[in-house]
Protein backbone atom coordinates (compact mmCIF):
# COMPACT_ATOMS: atom_id res chain seq x y z
CA UNK A 1 27.68 90.57 65.37
CA UNK A 2 30.19 93.03 66.80
CA UNK A 3 30.03 91.32 70.19
CA UNK A 4 30.65 87.91 68.63
CA UNK A 5 33.64 89.22 66.64
CA UNK A 6 35.10 90.78 69.78
CA UNK A 7 34.78 87.50 71.65
CA UNK A 8 36.48 85.58 68.85
CA UNK A 9 39.38 88.05 68.94
CA UNK A 10 39.51 87.68 72.72
CA UNK A 11 39.75 83.89 72.39
CA UNK A 12 42.62 84.22 69.94
CA UNK A 13 44.55 86.44 72.33
CA UNK A 14 43.94 84.01 75.20
CA UNK A 15 45.31 80.92 73.46
CA UNK A 16 48.63 79.18 74.14
CA UNK A 17 49.65 79.89 70.55
CA UNK A 18 49.31 83.65 70.95
CA UNK A 19 52.36 85.73 71.70
CA UNK A 20 54.92 82.98 71.00
CA UNK A 21 55.32 81.92 74.63
CA UNK A 22 57.54 83.21 77.43
CA UNK A 23 61.29 82.87 77.82
CA UNK A 24 60.66 80.47 80.71
CA UNK A 25 58.62 78.24 78.41
CA UNK A 26 61.28 78.41 75.71
CA UNK A 27 63.92 77.20 78.21
CA UNK A 28 61.88 74.28 79.55
CA UNK A 29 63.62 70.90 79.63
CA UNK A 30 61.08 68.58 77.98
CA UNK A 31 62.72 65.51 79.49
CA UNK A 32 61.37 66.43 82.92
CA UNK A 33 57.82 65.56 81.90
CA UNK A 34 58.36 63.30 78.89
CA UNK A 35 56.91 59.80 78.90
CA UNK A 36 59.36 57.20 80.17
CA UNK A 37 61.02 54.97 77.60
CA UNK A 38 60.78 51.19 77.71
CA UNK A 39 63.73 49.12 76.50
CA UNK A 40 63.04 46.61 73.71
CA UNK A 41 65.93 44.14 73.36
CA UNK A 42 67.60 43.32 70.07
CA UNK A 43 66.51 40.22 68.26
CA UNK A 44 64.03 38.53 65.99
CA UNK A 45 60.24 38.72 66.04
CA UNK A 46 57.31 37.61 63.88
CA UNK A 47 55.81 40.36 61.71
CA UNK A 48 52.76 40.39 59.43
CA UNK A 49 50.34 37.50 58.92
CA UNK A 50 49.06 34.95 56.44
CA UNK A 51 45.40 35.50 57.33
CA UNK A 52 42.70 35.70 54.66
CA UNK A 53 39.21 37.17 54.72
CA UNK A 54 37.26 33.98 53.97
CA UNK A 55 33.97 35.19 55.51
CA UNK A 56 33.40 38.37 53.45
CA UNK A 57 34.08 40.83 56.27
CA UNK A 58 35.30 43.55 53.90
CA UNK A 59 31.89 43.77 52.23
CA UNK A 60 29.95 43.22 55.46
CA UNK A 61 31.62 46.10 57.29
CA UNK A 62 32.46 48.32 54.32
CA UNK A 63 36.23 48.37 54.67
CA UNK A 64 38.00 50.37 51.95
CA UNK A 65 40.81 47.89 51.38
CA UNK A 66 40.87 44.08 51.61
CA UNK A 67 41.48 42.69 55.06
CA UNK A 68 44.88 41.16 55.85
CA UNK A 69 46.42 41.19 52.35
CA UNK A 70 48.84 44.04 53.02
CA UNK A 71 50.11 42.07 56.04
CA UNK A 72 51.33 39.22 53.80
CA UNK A 73 53.56 37.34 54.07
CA UNK A 74 54.17 36.30 57.66
CA UNK A 75 57.89 36.85 58.07
CA UNK A 76 60.63 37.22 60.63
CA UNK A 77 62.43 40.51 61.21
CA UNK A 78 65.55 41.15 63.26
CA UNK A 79 65.89 44.56 64.89
CA UNK A 80 68.65 46.17 66.95
CA UNK A 81 67.79 47.24 70.48
CA UNK A 82 65.58 50.32 70.73
CA UNK A 83 63.34 52.09 73.23
CA UNK A 84 59.74 53.24 72.93
CA UNK A 85 57.57 55.43 75.12
CA UNK A 86 55.38 53.55 77.57
CA UNK A 87 52.37 55.80 76.86
CA UNK A 88 51.01 57.86 74.00
CA UNK A 89 52.06 61.53 74.06
CA UNK A 90 49.54 63.53 76.07
CA UNK A 91 47.92 66.92 75.58
CA UNK A 92 49.89 68.41 78.47
CA UNK A 93 53.20 67.19 77.07
CA UNK A 94 52.43 68.46 73.59
CA UNK A 95 51.29 71.80 75.02
CA UNK A 96 54.82 72.37 76.33
CA UNK A 97 56.10 71.84 72.79
CA UNK A 98 53.55 74.28 71.38
CA UNK A 99 54.58 76.93 73.89
CA UNK A 100 58.35 76.40 73.73
CA UNK A 101 58.65 75.88 69.96
CA UNK A 102 55.94 78.41 69.03
CA UNK A 103 53.95 75.81 67.14
CA UNK A 104 50.36 75.74 65.93
CA UNK A 105 47.85 74.31 68.39
CA UNK A 106 45.97 71.12 67.45
CA UNK A 107 42.59 72.06 66.00
CA UNK A 108 40.66 70.24 68.72
CA UNK A 109 42.10 72.51 71.38
CA UNK A 110 40.57 75.53 69.69
CA UNK A 111 37.14 73.92 69.96
CA UNK A 112 37.13 72.67 73.56
CA UNK A 113 38.93 75.43 75.49
CA UNK A 114 42.06 73.44 76.22
CA UNK A 115 44.23 76.05 74.50
CA UNK A 116 43.15 78.96 76.72
CA UNK A 117 45.76 80.40 79.10
CA UNK A 118 44.63 80.67 82.71
CA UNK A 119 46.20 84.04 83.51
CA UNK A 120 44.41 85.54 80.54
CA UNK A 121 41.16 83.86 81.51
CA UNK A 122 41.45 85.40 84.98
CA UNK A 123 41.60 88.86 83.40
CA UNK A 124 38.39 88.25 81.41
CA UNK A 125 35.01 89.64 82.41
CA UNK A 126 32.27 87.39 83.75
CA UNK A 127 29.95 87.78 80.75
CA UNK A 128 32.66 86.72 78.33
CA UNK A 129 33.62 83.84 80.62
CA UNK A 130 30.01 82.63 80.64
CA UNK A 131 29.97 82.63 76.85
CA UNK A 132 33.31 80.80 76.66
CA UNK A 133 32.19 78.24 79.26
CA UNK A 134 29.09 77.44 77.21
CA UNK A 135 30.35 77.69 73.65
CA UNK A 136 33.79 76.12 74.08
CA UNK A 137 33.97 74.17 77.33
CA UNK A 138 30.38 72.92 76.93
CA UNK A 139 29.92 72.88 80.68
CA UNK A 140 26.84 70.95 81.72
CA UNK A 141 25.64 73.53 84.22
CA UNK A 142 23.78 76.83 84.38
CA UNK A 143 26.60 79.27 83.72
CA UNK A 144 24.28 82.28 83.91
CA UNK A 145 24.13 81.86 87.69
CA UNK A 146 27.89 81.51 88.18
CA UNK A 147 30.31 84.24 89.22
CA UNK A 148 33.82 84.63 87.84
CA UNK A 149 35.55 82.35 90.36
CA UNK A 150 33.01 79.56 89.95
CA UNK A 151 33.33 79.76 86.17
CA UNK A 152 37.12 79.72 86.30
CA UNK A 153 37.24 76.73 88.63
CA UNK A 154 34.82 74.76 86.45
CA UNK A 155 36.88 75.52 83.33
CA UNK A 156 40.14 74.66 85.09
CA UNK A 157 38.71 71.28 86.10
CA UNK A 158 37.73 70.65 82.49
CA UNK A 159 41.24 71.54 81.28
CA UNK A 160 42.82 69.33 83.95
CA UNK A 161 40.69 66.41 82.80
CA UNK A 162 42.15 66.78 79.30
CA UNK A 163 45.80 66.86 80.38
CA UNK A 164 46.24 63.08 80.34
CA UNK A 165 44.36 62.46 77.11
CA UNK A 166 46.55 61.49 74.15
CA UNK A 167 47.16 64.44 71.88
CA UNK A 168 45.38 64.17 68.53
CA UNK A 169 44.85 66.41 65.49
CA UNK A 170 48.59 66.29 64.79
CA UNK A 171 50.08 65.46 61.41
CA UNK A 172 52.94 63.04 60.80
CA UNK A 173 55.24 66.08 60.50
CA UNK A 174 53.98 67.57 63.79
CA UNK A 175 54.55 64.25 65.55
CA UNK A 176 58.07 63.91 64.16
CA UNK A 177 58.95 67.46 65.13
CA UNK A 178 57.78 66.89 68.70
CA UNK A 179 59.92 63.76 68.98
CA UNK A 180 62.94 65.63 67.55
CA UNK A 181 62.40 68.46 70.06
CA UNK A 182 62.50 65.79 72.76
CA UNK A 183 65.71 64.28 71.40
CA UNK A 184 63.80 61.24 70.18
CA UNK A 185 62.14 60.06 66.97
CA UNK A 186 59.04 58.28 65.74
CA UNK A 187 59.22 54.48 65.82
CA UNK A 188 59.39 52.54 62.58
CA UNK A 189 56.53 50.22 61.69
CA UNK A 190 58.63 47.17 62.58
CA UNK A 191 59.61 48.66 65.96
CA UNK A 192 56.01 49.51 66.73
CA UNK A 193 54.83 45.98 65.87
CA UNK A 194 57.53 44.31 67.94
CA UNK A 195 56.69 46.53 70.93
CA UNK A 196 53.01 45.57 70.54
CA UNK A 197 53.38 41.93 69.65
CA UNK A 198 56.46 40.59 71.39
CA UNK A 199 58.35 37.71 69.84
CA UNK A 200 55.66 35.02 69.81
CA UNK A 201 53.51 36.35 66.95
CA UNK A 202 50.50 37.09 69.16
CA UNK A 203 47.35 38.68 67.72
CA UNK A 204 46.93 41.39 70.36
CA UNK A 205 49.30 42.98 72.88
CA UNK A 206 47.81 40.86 75.70
CA UNK A 207 47.60 37.55 73.83
CA UNK A 208 45.64 35.76 71.11
CA UNK A 209 42.08 35.99 72.41
CA UNK A 210 39.93 39.02 71.54
CA UNK A 211 38.38 40.76 74.55
CA UNK A 212 36.88 44.24 73.98
CA UNK A 213 36.91 44.88 77.74
CA UNK A 214 40.72 45.01 77.76
CA UNK A 215 41.10 48.11 75.59
CA UNK A 216 39.41 51.34 74.59
CA UNK A 217 37.48 50.61 71.40
CA UNK A 218 35.46 53.84 71.70
CA UNK A 219 32.30 52.10 72.85
CA UNK A 220 32.70 53.21 76.47
CA UNK A 221 30.51 56.26 76.96
CA UNK A 222 32.50 57.24 80.08
CA UNK A 223 35.01 58.90 77.77
CA UNK A 224 34.20 62.08 75.90
CA UNK A 225 34.79 61.70 72.16
CA UNK A 226 35.69 58.05 72.80
CA UNK A 227 39.24 58.83 73.99
CA UNK A 228 40.56 57.69 77.40
CA UNK A 229 43.46 59.03 79.48
CA UNK A 230 46.68 57.24 78.56
CA UNK A 231 47.37 54.03 80.47
CA UNK A 232 43.76 53.57 81.56
CA UNK A 233 43.61 49.93 80.47
CA UNK A 234 46.09 48.00 82.59
CA UNK A 235 45.34 44.64 80.99
CA UNK A 236 45.95 45.91 77.46
CA UNK A 237 49.69 46.35 77.90
CA UNK A 238 52.12 44.48 75.67
CA UNK A 239 54.75 41.88 76.66
CA UNK A 240 57.13 44.81 77.21
CA UNK A 241 54.63 46.68 79.43
CA UNK A 242 53.81 49.30 76.79
CA UNK A 243 50.25 50.64 77.01
CA UNK A 244 47.52 51.45 74.48
CA UNK A 245 49.11 49.77 71.48
CA UNK A 246 45.61 48.52 70.74
CA UNK A 247 42.81 51.06 70.82
CA UNK A 248 42.46 54.59 72.20
CA UNK A 249 44.09 56.43 69.25
CA UNK A 250 45.87 55.41 66.07
CA UNK A 251 49.60 56.18 66.11
CA UNK A 252 51.89 57.58 63.43
CA UNK A 253 55.01 55.56 62.60
CA UNK A 254 57.95 56.54 60.45
CA UNK A 255 57.42 54.14 57.55
CA UNK A 256 55.89 54.63 54.12
CA UNK A 257 52.90 52.43 53.31
CA UNK A 258 54.27 49.78 50.98
CA UNK A 259 54.23 46.03 50.39
CA UNK A 260 56.29 43.75 52.59
CA UNK A 261 59.16 41.90 50.87
CA UNK A 262 57.79 38.85 49.10
CA UNK A 263 54.20 40.11 49.02
CA UNK A 264 52.11 39.61 45.89
CA UNK A 265 49.47 42.17 46.94
CA UNK A 266 49.21 45.34 44.87
CA UNK A 267 47.74 48.63 46.05
CA UNK A 268 47.83 51.98 44.26
CA UNK A 269 48.41 53.61 47.66
CA UNK A 270 51.81 51.91 47.99
CA UNK A 271 54.96 53.99 47.63
CA UNK A 272 55.91 57.36 49.08
CA UNK A 273 52.39 58.80 49.31
CA UNK A 274 51.16 57.66 52.70
CA UNK A 275 52.59 57.03 56.14
CA UNK A 276 51.58 54.07 58.28
CA UNK A 277 49.29 54.49 61.29
CA UNK A 278 48.92 51.64 63.75
CA UNK A 279 46.85 50.41 66.69
CA UNK A 280 43.22 51.20 65.92
CA UNK A 281 41.41 54.25 67.29
CA UNK A 282 38.58 54.65 69.74
CA UNK A 283 37.44 58.08 68.70
CA UNK A 284 35.71 58.55 65.38
CA UNK A 285 33.74 56.12 63.25
CA UNK A 286 35.55 52.84 63.85
CA UNK A 287 34.03 49.43 64.33
CA UNK A 288 34.68 47.78 67.70
CA UNK A 289 35.68 44.53 66.00
CA UNK A 290 38.90 42.69 66.55
CA UNK A 291 40.33 43.11 63.05
CA UNK A 292 40.82 46.85 63.57
CA UNK A 293 42.89 46.38 66.74
CA UNK A 294 45.15 43.45 65.82
CA UNK A 295 48.86 44.03 66.36
CA UNK A 296 49.62 43.15 62.71
CA UNK A 297 46.87 45.33 61.20
CA UNK A 298 48.04 48.15 58.93
CA UNK A 299 46.38 51.44 58.01
CA UNK A 300 47.72 54.52 56.26
CA UNK A 301 47.17 58.25 55.84
CA UNK A 302 48.68 61.20 54.01
CA UNK A 303 51.47 62.73 56.13
CA UNK A 304 49.67 66.10 56.30
CA UNK A 305 46.44 64.54 57.57
CA UNK A 306 45.15 65.41 61.04
CA UNK A 307 42.35 63.59 62.82
CA UNK A 308 40.66 63.58 66.21
CA UNK A 309 41.66 59.94 66.74
CA UNK A 310 45.25 59.87 65.48
CA UNK A 311 48.14 60.53 67.87
CA UNK A 312 51.63 59.11 68.39
CA UNK A 313 54.41 58.09 70.73
CA UNK A 314 58.18 58.52 70.38
CA UNK A 315 61.07 56.07 70.26
CA UNK A 316 64.86 56.18 70.55
CA UNK A 317 67.87 54.18 69.43
CA UNK A 318 69.32 51.68 71.91
CA UNK A 319 67.84 50.03 74.97
CA UNK A 320 69.05 52.58 77.53
CA UNK A 321 66.00 54.71 78.43
């Protein structure tokens, strides 16, 4: 029991959240590694849909809310020019924010070893490293036969493999704060849908025909926890060459969940209770069916909620990335 408590304390001291970061980290220019912005021109696009669930899919698949109704009516929206990040924000990018702004680490990092600082790992004894490699990194190898250098290299490889994964386990507030730190903001729901859908009212970022091979629905066992590195699905990109707007992780947007103008649908969740999430996730408990990943599909969550399959990307005013 004493040994276990000591190891837990050791892990806490080794994390990126311990010690509030260095002055070098605090002075980092986040723009040097931030995801590039893509310009979305001003103009009109088609938002929402007039679809109806006439085959009983809600009951068949156990959806909480009726399909499609909160997308009604199909309508046109005119937006000024804006820019949106080409990829979802990654673990490595968000880690810079955690270090520089002295923020709490996403919960998932505390469970998979991603939050551990390498210099502190190098100062750790081999027996503790073996325990960490097994209990946190879940290395699929016999760690009892490995020396310190072999253990460190295996754990570094595991951390490197997580750098390009989209960050998850962040709340709406965390996501907004990251974007502000970057000099950007979260996209609105309308901006997100235009970036995903273009101006022709298409069903999916790539077109109107459903093809589960074009996106990460979470069914691909090559990806741990069902999440792929950002930009892994070239054919899923939108008309504006923005990636992963369908699948991989849900994304926070800066809009309250409410009815569209002219809608007759009522939902007790409407109002200033929930924020919109968009895109469909590949990580936890979602059906790999087209309805979840449509560009017009809406979902919502409490702003304080964190989940292993909800992330975000940032946006900015104007089309001058």
